[in-house]
Structure formats: structure tokens, C-alpha cells
N, C-alpha and C. Protein backbone atom coordinates (compact mmCIF):
# COMPACT_ATOMS: atom_id res chain seq x y z
N MET A 1 -28.17 122.17 -42.65
CA MET A 1 -26.74 122.16 -42.41
C MET A 1 -26.38 123.12 -41.27
N LYS A 2 -27.03 124.29 -41.22
CA LYS A 2 -26.76 125.22 -40.14
C LYS A 2 -27.13 124.63 -38.79
N LYS A 3 -28.17 123.81 -38.76
CA LYS A 3 -28.60 123.23 -37.49
C LYS A 3 -27.58 122.25 -36.93
N ASP A 4 -26.66 121.78 -37.76
CA ASP A 4 -25.62 120.84 -37.32
C ASP A 4 -24.44 121.54 -36.66
N ILE A 5 -24.35 122.84 -36.82
CA ILE A 5 -23.24 123.60 -36.23
C ILE A 5 -23.57 123.88 -34.78
N LYS A 6 -22.71 123.44 -33.89
CA LYS A 6 -22.90 123.65 -32.47
C LYS A 6 -21.95 124.76 -32.00
N ILE A 7 -22.54 125.81 -31.47
CA ILE A 7 -21.75 126.92 -30.94
C ILE A 7 -21.80 126.85 -29.43
N PRO A 8 -20.68 126.53 -28.78
CA PRO A 8 -20.69 126.38 -27.33
C PRO A 8 -20.88 127.72 -26.63
N GLU A 9 -21.53 127.67 -25.48
CA GLU A 9 -21.78 128.87 -24.69
C GLU A 9 -20.52 129.29 -23.94
N VAL A 10 -20.24 130.59 -23.94
CA VAL A 10 -19.09 131.14 -23.23
C VAL A 10 -19.48 131.38 -21.78
N THR A 11 -18.71 130.82 -20.85
CA THR A 11 -18.92 131.06 -19.43
C THR A 11 -17.61 131.46 -18.78
N ASN A 12 -17.71 132.28 -17.76
CA ASN A 12 -16.56 132.71 -16.95
C ASN A 12 -15.48 133.46 -17.73
N VAL A 13 -15.86 134.07 -18.82
CA VAL A 13 -14.99 135.01 -19.53
C VAL A 13 -15.77 136.31 -19.62
N PHE A 14 -15.15 137.40 -19.16
CA PHE A 14 -15.86 138.67 -19.05
C PHE A 14 -15.05 139.80 -19.68
N MET A 15 -15.74 140.90 -19.96
CA MET A 15 -15.08 142.14 -20.36
C MET A 15 -15.37 143.16 -19.27
N ALA A 16 -14.40 144.00 -18.98
CA ALA A 16 -14.57 145.03 -17.96
C ALA A 16 -13.97 146.33 -18.47
N VAL A 17 -14.59 147.43 -18.09
CA VAL A 17 -14.02 148.75 -18.34
C VAL A 17 -13.74 149.34 -16.97
N VAL A 18 -12.48 149.70 -16.75
CA VAL A 18 -12.00 150.11 -15.43
C VAL A 18 -11.44 151.53 -15.50
N LYS A 19 -11.76 152.31 -14.48
CA LYS A 19 -11.16 153.64 -14.36
C LYS A 19 -10.01 153.51 -13.37
N GLU A 20 -8.81 153.87 -13.84
CA GLU A 20 -7.63 153.74 -12.98
C GLU A 20 -6.67 154.89 -13.20
N TYR A 21 -5.87 155.15 -12.19
CA TYR A 21 -4.93 156.26 -12.25
C TYR A 21 -3.69 155.88 -13.06
N ASN A 22 -3.29 156.76 -13.96
CA ASN A 22 -2.10 156.56 -14.78
C ASN A 22 -0.96 157.36 -14.16
N ASN A 23 0.01 156.67 -13.56
CA ASN A 23 1.14 157.35 -12.89
C ASN A 23 2.02 158.12 -13.86
N ASP A 24 2.16 157.64 -15.09
CA ASP A 24 3.02 158.31 -16.07
C ASP A 24 2.48 159.67 -16.47
N PHE A 25 1.17 159.75 -16.70
CA PHE A 25 0.56 161.00 -17.18
C PHE A 25 -0.21 161.75 -16.10
N LYS A 26 -0.22 161.20 -14.87
CA LYS A 26 -0.86 161.85 -13.72
C LYS A 26 -2.32 162.19 -13.99
N CYS A 27 -3.07 161.21 -14.50
CA CYS A 27 -4.50 161.41 -14.77
C CYS A 27 -5.23 160.07 -14.66
N ASP A 28 -6.56 160.14 -14.65
CA ASP A 28 -7.37 158.93 -14.65
C ASP A 28 -7.62 158.48 -16.08
N ASP A 29 -7.49 157.19 -16.32
CA ASP A 29 -7.74 156.60 -17.64
C ASP A 29 -8.84 155.55 -17.52
N TRP A 30 -9.56 155.35 -18.61
CA TRP A 30 -10.52 154.25 -18.73
C TRP A 30 -9.86 153.18 -19.59
N ASN A 31 -9.78 151.96 -19.09
CA ASN A 31 -9.15 150.86 -19.82
C ASN A 31 -10.10 149.67 -19.90
N ALA A 32 -10.08 149.00 -21.05
CA ALA A 32 -10.86 147.78 -21.23
C ALA A 32 -9.97 146.58 -20.90
N TYR A 33 -10.53 145.61 -20.18
CA TYR A 33 -9.82 144.39 -19.79
C TYR A 33 -10.64 143.18 -20.21
N ILE A 34 -9.93 142.10 -20.50
CA ILE A 34 -10.59 140.80 -20.63
C ILE A 34 -10.24 140.01 -19.37
N VAL A 35 -11.23 139.31 -18.83
CA VAL A 35 -11.06 138.57 -17.58
C VAL A 35 -11.33 137.09 -17.84
N ASN A 36 -10.36 136.25 -17.49
CA ASN A 36 -10.52 134.81 -17.59
C ASN A 36 -10.74 134.26 -16.18
N ASN A 37 -12.00 134.01 -15.83
CA ASN A 37 -12.34 133.48 -14.51
C ASN A 37 -12.47 131.95 -14.54
N LYS A 38 -11.94 131.34 -15.59
CA LYS A 38 -11.99 129.87 -15.74
C LYS A 38 -10.82 129.22 -15.01
N GLU A 39 -10.90 127.91 -14.89
CA GLU A 39 -9.81 127.13 -14.29
C GLU A 39 -8.83 126.62 -15.34
N VAL A 40 -9.02 127.03 -16.59
CA VAL A 40 -8.14 126.62 -17.69
C VAL A 40 -7.65 127.85 -18.44
N ASP A 41 -6.51 127.71 -19.11
CA ASP A 41 -5.95 128.79 -19.91
C ASP A 41 -6.76 128.97 -21.19
N LEU A 42 -6.79 130.21 -21.69
CA LEU A 42 -7.38 130.50 -22.98
C LEU A 42 -6.24 130.78 -23.95
N GLU A 43 -6.42 130.36 -25.19
CA GLU A 43 -5.37 130.55 -26.19
C GLU A 43 -5.91 131.28 -27.41
N MET A 44 -4.99 131.95 -28.11
CA MET A 44 -5.28 132.64 -29.35
C MET A 44 -6.55 133.49 -29.24
N ILE A 45 -6.52 134.47 -28.35
CA ILE A 45 -7.67 135.34 -28.12
C ILE A 45 -7.62 136.48 -29.13
N LEU A 46 -8.70 136.63 -29.86
CA LEU A 46 -8.84 137.73 -30.82
C LEU A 46 -9.99 138.60 -30.34
N ILE A 47 -9.73 139.91 -30.23
CA ILE A 47 -10.76 140.84 -29.76
C ILE A 47 -10.90 141.95 -30.80
N VAL A 48 -12.12 142.13 -31.27
CA VAL A 48 -12.42 143.21 -32.21
C VAL A 48 -13.34 144.18 -31.47
N SER A 49 -12.98 145.47 -31.47
CA SER A 49 -13.78 146.44 -30.74
C SER A 49 -14.15 147.63 -31.63
N LYS A 50 -15.28 148.23 -31.27
CA LYS A 50 -15.75 149.39 -32.01
C LYS A 50 -16.77 150.14 -31.16
N GLY A 51 -16.77 151.46 -31.29
CA GLY A 51 -17.77 152.30 -30.65
C GLY A 51 -18.67 152.89 -31.72
N TYR A 52 -19.97 153.05 -31.38
CA TYR A 52 -20.89 153.60 -32.38
C TYR A 52 -22.10 154.23 -31.70
N ASP A 53 -22.77 155.10 -32.42
CA ASP A 53 -24.03 155.70 -31.99
C ASP A 53 -24.97 155.66 -33.18
N GLU A 54 -26.02 154.86 -33.08
CA GLU A 54 -26.95 154.70 -34.21
C GLU A 54 -27.73 155.98 -34.51
N ASN A 55 -27.97 156.82 -33.50
CA ASN A 55 -28.74 158.05 -33.71
C ASN A 55 -27.98 159.08 -34.53
N THR A 56 -26.72 159.29 -34.20
CA THR A 56 -25.93 160.31 -34.90
C THR A 56 -25.05 159.72 -36.00
N LEU A 57 -25.05 158.40 -36.11
CA LEU A 57 -24.20 157.66 -37.06
C LEU A 57 -22.71 157.86 -36.81
N ALA A 58 -22.35 158.27 -35.59
CA ALA A 58 -20.94 158.40 -35.23
C ALA A 58 -20.39 157.01 -34.96
N GLU A 59 -19.14 156.79 -35.35
CA GLU A 59 -18.50 155.51 -35.06
C GLU A 59 -16.99 155.68 -35.00
N THR A 60 -16.36 154.75 -34.29
CA THR A 60 -14.91 154.76 -34.18
C THR A 60 -14.33 153.79 -35.21
N SER A 61 -13.04 153.80 -35.30
CA SER A 61 -12.37 152.80 -36.13
C SER A 61 -12.52 151.43 -35.48
N LEU A 62 -12.44 150.41 -36.31
CA LEU A 62 -12.48 149.04 -35.82
C LEU A 62 -11.07 148.69 -35.32
N LEU A 63 -10.96 148.27 -34.07
CA LEU A 63 -9.66 147.91 -33.50
C LEU A 63 -9.59 146.41 -33.31
N ARG A 64 -8.42 145.85 -33.57
CA ARG A 64 -8.21 144.42 -33.41
C ARG A 64 -7.05 144.18 -32.46
N HIS A 65 -7.24 143.21 -31.57
CA HIS A 65 -6.22 142.88 -30.57
C HIS A 65 -6.04 141.37 -30.53
N LYS A 66 -4.82 140.95 -30.24
CA LYS A 66 -4.53 139.51 -30.15
C LYS A 66 -3.74 139.25 -28.87
N ILE A 67 -4.17 138.22 -28.15
CA ILE A 67 -3.46 137.77 -26.95
C ILE A 67 -3.18 136.30 -27.16
N GLU A 68 -1.92 135.92 -27.14
CA GLU A 68 -1.53 134.52 -27.39
C GLU A 68 -2.11 133.57 -26.35
N LYS A 69 -1.95 133.94 -25.06
CA LYS A 69 -2.39 133.04 -24.00
C LYS A 69 -2.81 133.88 -22.79
N LEU A 70 -3.94 133.51 -22.20
CA LEU A 70 -4.43 134.16 -20.99
C LEU A 70 -4.61 133.07 -19.94
N PRO A 71 -3.71 133.03 -18.95
CA PRO A 71 -3.77 131.97 -17.94
C PRO A 71 -5.09 131.96 -17.17
N ALA A 72 -5.38 130.83 -16.56
CA ALA A 72 -6.58 130.69 -15.73
C ALA A 72 -6.54 131.71 -14.60
N GLN A 73 -7.72 132.20 -14.21
CA GLN A 73 -7.86 133.15 -13.11
C GLN A 73 -6.96 134.38 -13.28
N SER A 74 -6.98 134.96 -14.49
CA SER A 74 -6.16 136.14 -14.75
C SER A 74 -6.91 137.11 -15.65
N PHE A 75 -6.25 138.21 -15.97
CA PHE A 75 -6.85 139.23 -16.82
C PHE A 75 -5.76 139.91 -17.62
N ALA A 76 -6.16 140.63 -18.68
CA ALA A 76 -5.21 141.36 -19.51
C ALA A 76 -5.85 142.65 -19.98
N LYS A 77 -5.05 143.71 -20.01
CA LYS A 77 -5.52 144.99 -20.52
C LYS A 77 -5.63 144.89 -22.04
N VAL A 78 -6.77 145.33 -22.58
CA VAL A 78 -7.01 145.24 -24.01
C VAL A 78 -6.72 146.57 -24.69
N GLU A 79 -7.32 147.65 -24.18
CA GLU A 79 -7.11 148.95 -24.82
C GLU A 79 -7.47 150.10 -23.89
N LEU A 80 -6.89 151.24 -24.18
CA LEU A 80 -7.22 152.50 -23.53
C LEU A 80 -8.44 153.07 -24.23
N MET A 81 -9.40 153.55 -23.46
CA MET A 81 -10.61 154.11 -24.04
C MET A 81 -10.64 155.62 -23.80
N HIS A 82 -10.68 156.39 -24.87
CA HIS A 82 -10.72 157.84 -24.79
C HIS A 82 -12.07 158.30 -24.25
N GLU A 83 -12.10 159.43 -23.54
CA GLU A 83 -13.34 159.96 -22.96
C GLU A 83 -14.47 160.08 -23.99
N ASP A 84 -14.17 160.49 -25.22
CA ASP A 84 -15.20 160.66 -26.25
C ASP A 84 -15.87 159.34 -26.62
N VAL A 85 -15.15 158.24 -26.51
CA VAL A 85 -15.69 156.92 -26.86
C VAL A 85 -16.70 156.43 -25.81
N LEU A 86 -16.57 156.93 -24.58
CA LEU A 86 -17.46 156.49 -23.50
C LEU A 86 -18.90 156.91 -23.73
N LYS A 87 -19.12 157.93 -24.55
CA LYS A 87 -20.48 158.42 -24.85
C LYS A 87 -21.18 157.52 -25.86
N LEU A 88 -20.44 156.64 -26.50
CA LEU A 88 -20.98 155.76 -27.53
C LEU A 88 -21.30 154.38 -26.95
N ALA A 89 -22.02 153.57 -27.70
CA ALA A 89 -22.15 152.15 -27.38
C ALA A 89 -20.84 151.51 -27.83
N ASN A 90 -20.28 150.61 -27.03
CA ASN A 90 -19.00 149.99 -27.35
C ASN A 90 -19.14 148.47 -27.31
N PHE A 91 -18.75 147.81 -28.40
CA PHE A 91 -18.81 146.36 -28.40
C PHE A 91 -17.42 145.77 -28.51
N PHE A 92 -17.27 144.59 -27.92
CA PHE A 92 -16.04 143.81 -27.96
C PHE A 92 -16.43 142.41 -28.39
N ASN A 93 -16.01 142.00 -29.56
CA ASN A 93 -16.28 140.65 -30.02
C ASN A 93 -15.04 139.81 -29.68
N VAL A 94 -15.23 138.82 -28.82
CA VAL A 94 -14.12 138.02 -28.30
C VAL A 94 -14.20 136.60 -28.85
N THR A 95 -13.12 136.15 -29.47
CA THR A 95 -13.01 134.79 -29.98
C THR A 95 -11.76 134.17 -29.37
N PHE A 96 -11.88 132.92 -28.90
CA PHE A 96 -10.72 132.28 -28.28
C PHE A 96 -10.85 130.77 -28.37
N PHE A 97 -9.74 130.10 -28.10
CA PHE A 97 -9.73 128.64 -28.04
C PHE A 97 -9.53 128.20 -26.60
N GLU A 98 -10.35 127.21 -26.22
CA GLU A 98 -10.17 126.52 -24.95
C GLU A 98 -9.95 125.07 -25.34
N GLY A 99 -8.71 124.63 -25.27
CA GLY A 99 -8.37 123.32 -25.82
C GLY A 99 -8.49 123.39 -27.33
N ASN A 100 -9.22 122.46 -27.93
CA ASN A 100 -9.42 122.45 -29.38
C ASN A 100 -10.76 123.05 -29.80
N THR A 101 -11.47 123.65 -28.85
CA THR A 101 -12.79 124.21 -29.13
C THR A 101 -12.72 125.72 -29.24
N MET A 102 -13.33 126.26 -30.29
CA MET A 102 -13.36 127.70 -30.48
C MET A 102 -14.65 128.26 -29.88
N PHE A 103 -14.51 129.38 -29.16
CA PHE A 103 -15.64 130.06 -28.53
C PHE A 103 -15.70 131.48 -29.07
N ASP A 104 -16.91 132.05 -29.06
CA ASP A 104 -17.09 133.42 -29.55
C ASP A 104 -18.22 134.07 -28.76
N LYS A 105 -17.99 135.32 -28.34
CA LYS A 105 -19.04 136.05 -27.62
C LYS A 105 -18.88 137.54 -27.88
N LYS A 106 -20.02 138.21 -28.01
CA LYS A 106 -20.03 139.66 -28.20
C LYS A 106 -20.46 140.31 -26.88
N PHE A 107 -19.64 141.23 -26.41
CA PHE A 107 -19.95 142.00 -25.20
C PHE A 107 -20.29 143.41 -25.63
N LEU A 108 -21.44 143.92 -25.18
CA LEU A 108 -21.88 145.25 -25.58
C LEU A 108 -22.10 146.13 -24.36
N PHE A 109 -21.31 147.20 -24.28
CA PHE A 109 -21.52 148.23 -23.28
C PHE A 109 -22.45 149.25 -23.93
N GLU A 110 -23.71 149.26 -23.48
CA GLU A 110 -24.70 150.16 -24.06
C GLU A 110 -24.28 151.61 -23.88
N LYS A 111 -24.79 152.46 -24.74
CA LYS A 111 -24.52 153.89 -24.70
C LYS A 111 -24.88 154.44 -23.31
N GLY A 112 -23.94 155.16 -22.71
CA GLY A 112 -24.19 155.79 -21.41
C GLY A 112 -23.98 154.91 -20.20
N THR A 113 -23.55 153.66 -20.39
CA THR A 113 -23.37 152.77 -19.23
C THR A 113 -21.96 152.85 -18.63
N ILE A 114 -21.02 153.37 -19.39
CA ILE A 114 -19.66 153.52 -18.86
C ILE A 114 -19.57 154.91 -18.24
N LYS A 115 -19.75 154.95 -16.92
CA LYS A 115 -19.76 156.22 -16.19
C LYS A 115 -19.33 155.99 -14.75
N GLU A 116 -18.94 157.05 -14.12
CA GLU A 116 -18.42 157.01 -12.75
C GLU A 116 -19.40 156.37 -11.77
N SER A 117 -20.69 156.67 -11.89
CA SER A 117 -21.68 156.17 -10.93
C SER A 117 -21.94 154.66 -11.07
N ALA A 118 -21.50 154.06 -12.16
CA ALA A 118 -21.72 152.62 -12.37
C ALA A 118 -20.55 151.76 -11.89
N LEU A 119 -19.50 152.37 -11.39
CA LEU A 119 -18.31 151.63 -10.97
C LEU A 119 -18.59 150.74 -9.76
N ARG A 120 -18.12 149.51 -9.84
CA ARG A 120 -18.20 148.53 -8.75
C ARG A 120 -16.86 147.82 -8.66
N THR A 121 -16.54 147.27 -7.51
CA THR A 121 -15.28 146.54 -7.37
C THR A 121 -15.39 145.21 -8.12
N ILE A 122 -14.38 144.97 -8.96
CA ILE A 122 -14.33 143.73 -9.74
C ILE A 122 -13.33 142.81 -9.02
N PRO A 123 -13.81 141.70 -8.45
CA PRO A 123 -12.99 140.86 -7.57
C PRO A 123 -11.63 140.42 -8.15
N LEU A 124 -11.58 139.80 -9.29
CA LEU A 124 -10.31 139.27 -9.81
C LEU A 124 -9.32 140.40 -10.13
N LEU A 125 -9.82 141.52 -10.63
CA LEU A 125 -8.96 142.65 -10.96
C LEU A 125 -8.59 143.45 -9.72
N ASN A 126 -9.46 143.41 -8.72
CA ASN A 126 -9.30 144.21 -7.51
C ASN A 126 -9.26 145.71 -7.85
N LYS A 127 -10.09 146.09 -8.81
CA LYS A 127 -10.20 147.47 -9.27
C LYS A 127 -11.66 147.81 -9.43
N ARG A 128 -11.97 149.12 -9.51
CA ARG A 128 -13.35 149.55 -9.71
C ARG A 128 -13.63 149.75 -11.19
N GLY A 129 -14.75 149.15 -11.64
CA GLY A 129 -15.10 149.27 -13.04
C GLY A 129 -16.49 148.72 -13.31
N ILE A 130 -16.77 148.55 -14.57
CA ILE A 130 -18.04 147.99 -15.03
C ILE A 130 -17.73 146.64 -15.67
N LEU A 131 -18.42 145.59 -15.22
CA LEU A 131 -18.17 144.23 -15.67
C LEU A 131 -19.34 143.71 -16.48
N LEU A 132 -19.05 143.14 -17.65
CA LEU A 132 -20.08 142.48 -18.46
C LEU A 132 -19.83 140.99 -18.44
N LYS A 133 -20.88 140.23 -18.13
CA LYS A 133 -20.76 138.77 -18.09
C LYS A 133 -21.38 138.17 -19.32
């Protein structure tokens, strides 16, 4: 019965962590974004995120986010990431509908990969950050 379940592959949907200046608080912030690089809109996007370290057993609270609709060739800010969370492995489990089909993908930023030296320009966002495909 499990072999009959077809899970479609997620393409052209990415997660990014971007370092950007916050004008309100006059400081640099790290923010997580979801990027829709598809030619179609995504609907009912659910994102579950958590940070953890298996060695020290440290973990953050489980956060849940919902985005009703993400237009084609666009992006949306998901959450602000505190400096302490950057030292942990951070995962984002993304579930969404494209038409009548449900898609699901887990994005994992390994421990130590969210850092200043890893920043690259992300084309659709036009910002510097780390992109997971």
C-alpha cells in the first residue's frame, strides 16, 4: 500500500537565510525566507521550523507559519532568526499546494553553515544570504 503513494518532487522552491539591515532597530538581522521560483502560484504554505544540536541536546521551540498564497517568481519572509539559533542546525519543513497536488520538502541548514563567510547574492531576492535548493 505504501508503494502506491506517489510523493512528487519539489522543484524551484527554496529556503534562504538572509542577513539584512533593520532600519527600525539600527542593526543587522538574520531572516529566513521562502522563495517561489516557479511560474505558478503556491497556495496554503505551511512551514514548521526548529533549531537543534544533537551533541548538546539543545533545541528551540517548534515554530509554525502559514502563508495563504505565494505568487510565482516571488518570496516571503518567514521568521527572524536570533544569533543564538545560528549556532544550531535549523530545519524548515515546507508543505504547500500547487493546484490540487500537495508537495512537501525538508530544508536543513547544517550546524555552522549560517555565517557571514557563506553569504552569496540570491538573484530573486536581490539580497545576500545562504540558499538551500
